[in-house]
Amino acid sequence: MEAQELKDRIIEAKSNKIAELKAKARVSERNKYYEEALKYYQAVLKIDPSDREAKEGMDRVNILILEAKKKAELEKEKLLGEEIVPVLYDVANSKILARTAGFFAIASWNPFLAIGYLIVLLISSTLSLTYLAVVGEIALFVVIIRLSSRIRSVFITVLLFFLASLGLGLAINAR
């Protein structure tokens, strides 16, 4: 009788352990912890290799793992495959605006240097950028100093110079 009782207790313990492992596997699967669910189903099959529910669960979880990996790869490809669309604006107009702004910035100080800027611009647009940067900044400085004799505030003078320099920089970078 004792042997039968011991055998019944072992069978009941196995049944309880299998039920516990299956419950953990289902919870893990529902929470999308597929690798963890797979381990629980494997543990069930170690105890009872003929457990149909565990076999079906393993098959289902393996499919879910493959689908999750495919989905992650597709998301990665989608992120990497997106094209970067440039800002669409007319470059020709920005060049004309930049050249005109540069010319007037220099002409406001010295018309002869403005004519020099046009000549350099015809020779080389790269050299004209350097010319515009150096001479344009000097021209702005001189013009702002002239205006500052009429404007009594140092703050407004510095602000005007900053804004004019900013405009000149934008004109140079637009090219």
C-alpha atoms as a PDB file:
ATOM      1  CA  MET A   1       0.000   0.000   0.000  1.00  0.00           C
ATOM      2  CA  GLU A   2       2.803   2.385   0.784  1.00  0.00           C
ATOM      3  CA  ALA A   3       4.374   1.839  -2.629  1.00  0.00           C
ATOM      4  CA  GLN A   4       1.098   2.625  -4.366  1.00  0.00           C
ATOM      5  CA  GLU A   5       0.647   5.744  -2.231  1.00  0.00           C
ATOM      6  CA  LEU A   6       4.176   6.904  -3.073  1.00  0.00           C
ATOM      7  CA  LYS A   7       3.540   6.262  -6.764  1.00  0.00           C
ATOM      8  CA  ASP A   8       0.283   8.271  -6.588  1.00  0.00           C
ATOM      9  CA  ARG A   9       2.076  11.161  -4.871  1.00  0.00           C
ATOM     10  CA  ILE A  10       4.803  11.197  -7.556  1.00  0.00           C
ATOM     11  CA  ILE A  11       2.189  11.186 -10.322  1.00  0.00           C
ATOM     12  CA  GLU A  12       0.276  13.995  -8.589  1.00  0.00           C
ATOM     13  CA  ALA A  13       3.493  16.014  -8.133  1.00  0.00           C
ATOM     14  CA  LYS A  14       4.339  15.530 -11.813  1.00  0.00           C
ATOM     15  CA  SER A  15       0.822  16.595 -12.794  1.00  0.00           C
ATOM     16  CA  ASN A  16       1.030  19.677 -10.594  1.00  0.00           C
ATOM     17  CA  LYS A  17       4.473  20.567 -11.954  1.00  0.00           C
ATOM     18  CA  ILE A  18       3.280  20.117 -15.556  1.00  0.00           C
ATOM     19  CA  ALA A  19       0.198  22.255 -14.897  1.00  0.00           C
ATOM     20  CA  GLU A  20       2.380  24.941 -13.308  1.00  0.00           C
ATOM     21  CA  LEU A  21       4.850  24.944 -16.223  1.00  0.00           C
ATOM     22  CA  LYS A  22       2.024  25.096 -18.787  1.00  0.00           C
ATOM     23  CA  ALA A  23       0.415  28.013 -16.947  1.00  0.00           C
ATOM     24  CA  LYS A  24       3.750  29.875 -16.895  1.00  0.00           C
ATOM     25  CA  ALA A  25       4.248  29.117 -20.589  1.00  0.00           C
ATOM     26  CA  ARG A  26       0.796  30.501 -21.492  1.00  0.00           C
ATOM     27  CA  VAL A  27       1.355  33.670 -19.449  1.00  0.00           C
ATOM     28  CA  SER A  28       4.788  34.179 -21.045  1.00  0.00           C
ATOM     29  CA  GLU A  29       3.303  33.621 -24.495  1.00  0.00           C
ATOM     30  CA  ARG A  30       0.477  36.114 -23.862  1.00  0.00           C
ATOM     31  CA  ASN A  31       3.014  38.698 -22.707  1.00  0.00           C
ATOM     32  CA  LYS A  32       5.103  38.038 -25.835  1.00  0.00           C
ATOM     33  CA  TYR A  33       8.029  36.540 -23.900  1.00  0.00           C
ATOM     34  CA  TYR A  34       8.328  33.822 -26.500  1.00  0.00           C
ATOM     35  CA  GLU A  35      11.779  32.526 -25.555  1.00  0.00           C
ATOM     36  CA  GLU A  36      10.655  32.110 -21.949  1.00  0.00           C
ATOM     37  CA  ALA A  37       7.447  30.344 -23.030  1.00  0.00           C
ATOM     38  CA  LEU A  38       9.503  28.007 -25.185  1.00  0.00           C
ATOM     39  CA  LYS A  39      11.652  27.037 -22.180  1.00  0.00           C
ATOM     40  CA  TYR A  40       8.555  26.228 -20.108  1.00  0.00           C
ATOM     41  CA  TYR A  41       7.096  24.043 -22.876  1.00  0.00           C
ATOM     42  CA  GLN A  42      10.453  22.263 -23.213  1.00  0.00           C
ATOM     43  CA  ALA A  43      10.471  21.626 -19.464  1.00  0.00           C
ATOM     44  CA  VAL A  44       7.004  20.061 -19.741  1.00  0.00           C
ATOM     45  CA  LEU A  45       8.206  17.783 -22.531  1.00  0.00           C
ATOM     46  CA  LYS A  46      11.174  16.653 -20.417  1.00  0.00           C
ATOM     47  CA  ILE A  47       8.728  15.470 -17.785  1.00  0.00           C
ATOM     48  CA  ASP A  48       6.157  14.101 -20.241  1.00  0.00           C
ATOM     49  CA  PRO A  49       7.428  13.749 -23.833  1.00  0.00           C
ATOM     50  CA  SER A  50       3.942  12.814 -25.060  1.00  0.00           C
ATOM     51  CA  ASP A  51       2.180  15.976 -23.801  1.00  0.00           C
ATOM     52  CA  ARG A  52       0.238  17.172 -26.834  1.00  0.00           C
ATOM     53  CA  GLU A  53      -0.537  20.636 -25.434  1.00  0.00           C
ATOM     54  CA  ALA A  54       3.163  21.312 -24.827  1.00  0.00           C
ATOM     55  CA  LYS A  55       4.093  20.162 -28.354  1.00  0.00           C
ATOM     56  CA  GLU A  56       1.439  22.413 -29.896  1.00  0.00           C
ATOM     57  CA  GLY A  57       2.534  25.283 -27.674  1.00  0.00           C
ATOM     58  CA  MET A  58       6.157  24.866 -28.767  1.00  0.00           C
ATOM     59  CA  ASP A  59       5.141  24.833 -32.426  1.00  0.00           C
ATOM     60  CA  ARG A  60       3.006  27.947 -31.958  1.00  0.00           C
ATOM     61  CA  VAL A  61       5.730  29.816 -30.029  1.00  0.00           C
ATOM     62  CA  ASN A  62       8.387  28.887 -32.621  1.00  0.00           C
ATOM     63  CA  ILE A  63       6.173  30.389 -35.324  1.00  0.00           C
ATOM     64  CA  LEU A  64       5.628  33.515 -33.212  1.00  0.00           C
ATOM     65  CA  ILE A  65       9.389  33.857 -32.689  1.00  0.00           C
ATOM     66  CA  LEU A  66       9.999  33.657 -36.446  1.00  0.00           C
ATOM     67  CA  GLU A  67       7.240  36.191 -37.129  1.00  0.00           C
ATOM     68  CA  ALA A  68       8.650  38.570 -34.516  1.00  0.00           C
ATOM     69  CA  LYS A  69      12.124  38.309 -36.073  1.00  0.00           C
ATOM     70  CA  LYS A  70      10.723  38.941 -39.563  1.00  0.00           C
ATOM     71  CA  LYS A  71       8.749  41.917 -38.302  1.00  0.00           C
ATOM     72  CA  ALA A  72      11.855  43.367 -36.615  1.00  0.00           C
ATOM     73  CA  GLU A  73      13.865  42.920 -39.825  1.00  0.00           C
ATOM     74  CA  LEU A  74      11.145  44.596 -41.895  1.00  0.00           C
ATOM     75  CA  GLU A  75      11.002  47.514 -39.477  1.00  0.00           C
ATOM     76  CA  LYS A  76      14.770  47.852 -39.662  1.00  0.00           C
ATOM     77  CA  GLU A  77      14.694  47.753 -43.463  1.00  0.00           C
ATOM     78  CA  LYS A  78      11.870  50.257 -43.514  1.00  0.00           C
ATOM     79  CA  LEU A  79      13.835  52.664 -41.332  1.00  0.00           C
ATOM     80  CA  LEU A  80      16.993  52.207 -43.363  1.00  0.00           C
ATOM     81  CA  GLY A  81      15.178  52.298 -46.681  1.00  0.00           C
ATOM     82  CA  GLU A  82      13.454  55.631 -46.261  1.00  0.00           C
ATOM     83  CA  GLU A  83      14.728  58.225 -48.651  1.00  0.00           C
ATOM     84  CA  ILE A  84      15.814  61.601 -47.435  1.00  0.00           C
ATOM     85  CA  VAL A  85      13.907  64.150 -49.446  1.00  0.00           C
ATOM     86  CA  PRO A  86      15.757  67.423 -49.956  1.00  0.00           C
ATOM     87  CA  VAL A  87      14.096  70.742 -49.353  1.00  0.00           C
ATOM     88  CA  LEU A  88      12.634  71.894 -52.614  1.00  0.00           C
ATOM     89  CA  TYR A  89      13.382  75.497 -53.468  1.00  0.00           C
ATOM     90  CA  ASP A  90      14.732  77.261 -56.483  1.00  0.00           C
ATOM     91  CA  VAL A  91      18.519  77.385 -56.171  1.00  0.00           C
ATOM     92  CA  ALA A  92      18.844  79.853 -59.031  1.00  0.00           C
ATOM     93  CA  ASN A  93      16.753  82.426 -57.161  1.00  0.00           C
ATOM     94  CA  SER A  94      18.804  82.032 -53.994  1.00  0.00           C
ATOM     95  CA  LYS A  95      22.020  82.590 -55.966  1.00  0.00           C
ATOM     96  CA  ILE A  96      20.618  85.757 -57.519  1.00  0.00           C
ATOM     97  CA  LEU A  97      19.449  86.958 -54.111  1.00  0.00           C
ATOM     98  CA  ALA A  98      22.836  86.187 -52.558  1.00  0.00           C
ATOM     99  CA  ARG A  99      24.757  88.002 -55.301  1.00  0.00           C
ATOM    100  CA  THR A 100      22.435  91.002 -55.142  1.00  0.00           C
ATOM    101  CA  ALA A 101      22.652  91.208 -51.337  1.00  0.00           C
ATOM    102  CA  GLY A 102      26.443  90.954 -51.517  1.00  0.00           C
ATOM    103  CA  PHE A 103      26.670  93.615 -54.181  1.00  0.00           C
ATOM    104  CA  PHE A 104      24.500  96.082 -52.258  1.00  0.00           C
ATOM    105  CA  ALA A 105      26.311  95.373 -48.993  1.00  0.00           C
ATOM    106  CA  ILE A 106      29.617  96.330 -50.602  1.00  0.00           C
ATOM    107  CA  ALA A 107      28.142  99.139 -52.725  1.00  0.00           C
ATOM    108  CA  SER A 108      26.746 100.810 -49.616  1.00  0.00           C
ATOM    109  CA  TRP A 109      30.345 101.432 -48.536  1.00  0.00           C
ATOM    110  CA  ASN A 110      32.330 101.758 -51.748  1.00  0.00           C
ATOM    111  CA  PRO A 111      30.948 101.508 -55.298  1.00  0.00           C
ATOM    112  CA  PHE A 112      34.387 100.718 -56.741  1.00  0.00           C
ATOM    113  CA  LEU A 113      34.760  97.662 -54.486  1.00  0.00           C
ATOM    114  CA  ALA A 114      31.243  96.600 -55.541  1.00  0.00           C
ATOM    115  CA  ILE A 115      32.342  96.698 -59.179  1.00  0.00           C
ATOM    116  CA  GLY A 116      35.425  94.687 -58.138  1.00  0.00           C
ATOM    117  CA  TYR A 117      33.067  92.133 -56.555  1.00  0.00           C
ATOM    118  CA  LEU A 118      31.154  91.792 -59.852  1.00  0.00           C
ATOM    119  CA  ILE A 119      34.423  91.286 -61.762  1.00  0.00           C
ATOM    120  CA  VAL A 120      35.601  88.625 -59.300  1.00  0.00           C
ATOM    121  CA  LEU A 121      32.151  87.018 -59.504  1.00  0.00           C
ATOM    122  CA  LEU A 122      32.494  86.733 -63.283  1.00  0.00           C
ATOM    123  CA  ILE A 123      35.958  85.168 -62.947  1.00  0.00           C
ATOM    124  CA  SER A 124      35.224  82.683 -60.183  1.00  0.00           C
ATOM    125  CA  SER A 125      32.213  82.156 -57.978  1.00  0.00           C
ATOM    126  CA  THR A 126      34.447  80.496 -55.356  1.00  0.00           C
ATOM    127  CA  LEU A 127      36.747  83.507 -55.103  1.00  0.00           C
ATOM    128  CA  SER A 128      33.747  85.801 -54.991  1.00  0.00           C
ATOM    129  CA  LEU A 129      32.641  84.083 -51.757  1.00  0.00           C
ATOM    130  CA  THR A 130      35.908  85.001 -50.061  1.00  0.00           C
ATOM    131  CA  TYR A 131      35.772  88.517 -51.508  1.00  0.00           C
ATOM    132  CA  LEU A 132      32.180  88.905 -50.348  1.00  0.00           C
ATOM    133  CA  ALA A 133      32.969  87.618 -46.861  1.00  0.00           C
ATOM    134  CA  VAL A 134      35.953  89.894 -46.270  1.00  0.00           C
ATOM    135  CA  VAL A 135      34.936  93.045 -48.124  1.00  0.00           C
ATOM    136  CA  GLY A 136      31.259  92.645 -47.279  1.00  0.00           C
ATOM    137  CA  GLU A 137      31.982  92.467 -43.555  1.00  0.00           C
ATOM    138  CA  ILE A 138      34.243  95.525 -43.735  1.00  0.00           C
ATOM    139  CA  ALA A 139      31.581  97.377 -45.736  1.00  0.00           C
ATOM    140  CA  LEU A 140      28.927  96.506 -43.178  1.00  0.00           C
ATOM    141  CA  PHE A 141      31.173  97.640 -40.348  1.00  0.00           C
ATOM    142  CA  VAL A 142      31.883 100.990 -42.003  1.00  0.00           C
ATOM    143  CA  VAL A 143      28.224 101.592 -42.860  1.00  0.00           C
ATOM    144  CA  ILE A 144      27.088 100.710 -39.340  1.00  0.00           C
ATOM    145  CA  ILE A 145      29.754 103.019 -37.861  1.00  0.00           C
ATOM    146  CA  ARG A 146      28.443 105.824 -40.090  1.00  0.00           C
ATOM    147  CA  LEU A 147      24.912 105.114 -38.932  1.00  0.00           C
ATOM    148  CA  SER A 148      25.984 104.970 -35.309  1.00  0.00           C
ATOM    149  CA  SER A 149      26.820 108.681 -35.413  1.00  0.00           C
ATOM    150  CA  ARG A 150      23.091 109.212 -36.002  1.00  0.00           C
ATOM    151  CA  ILE A 151      22.049 106.473 -33.585  1.00  0.00           C
ATOM    152  CA  ARG A 152      23.030 107.314 -30.022  1.00  0.00           C
ATOM    153  CA  SER A 153      22.570 103.783 -28.598  1.00  0.00           C
ATOM    154  CA  VAL A 154      25.520 101.411 -28.614  1.00  0.00           C
ATOM    155  CA  PHE A 155      23.150  98.474 -28.204  1.00  0.00           C
ATOM    156  CA  ILE A 156      21.221  99.342 -31.384  1.00  0.00           C
ATOM    157  CA  THR A 157      24.500  99.808 -33.284  1.00  0.00           C
ATOM    158  CA  VAL A 158      25.768  96.380 -32.214  1.00  0.00           C
ATOM    159  CA  LEU A 159      22.375  94.850 -32.981  1.00  0.00           C
ATOM    160  CA  LEU A 160      22.348  96.371 -36.470  1.00  0.00           C
ATOM    161  CA  PHE A 161      25.859  95.090 -37.130  1.00  0.00           C
ATOM    162  CA  PHE A 162      24.885  91.627 -35.924  1.00  0.00           C
ATOM    163  CA  LEU A 163      21.758  91.530 -38.078  1.00  0.00           C
ATOM    164  CA  ALA A 164      23.613  92.842 -41.130  1.00  0.00           C
ATOM    165  CA  SER A 165      26.373  90.252 -40.587  1.00  0.00           C
ATOM    166  CA  LEU A 166      23.752  87.551 -40.240  1.00  0.00           C
ATOM    167  CA  GLY A 167      22.166  88.620 -43.525  1.00  0.00           C
ATOM    168  CA  LEU A 168      25.555  88.648 -45.206  1.00  0.00           C
ATOM    169  CA  GLY A 169      26.302  85.173 -43.857  1.00  0.00           C
ATOM    170  CA  LEU A 170      22.991  83.890 -45.164  1.00  0.00           C
ATOM    171  CA  ALA A 171      23.710  85.455 -48.528  1.00  0.00           C
ATOM    172  CA  ILE A 172      27.104  83.737 -48.652  1.00  0.00           C
ATOM    173  CA  ASN A 173      25.733  80.366 -47.565  1.00  0.00           C
ATOM    174  CA  ALA A 174      22.861  80.543 -50.032  1.00  0.00           C
ATOM    175  CA  ARG A 175      25.422  80.272 -52.784  1.00  0.00           C
END
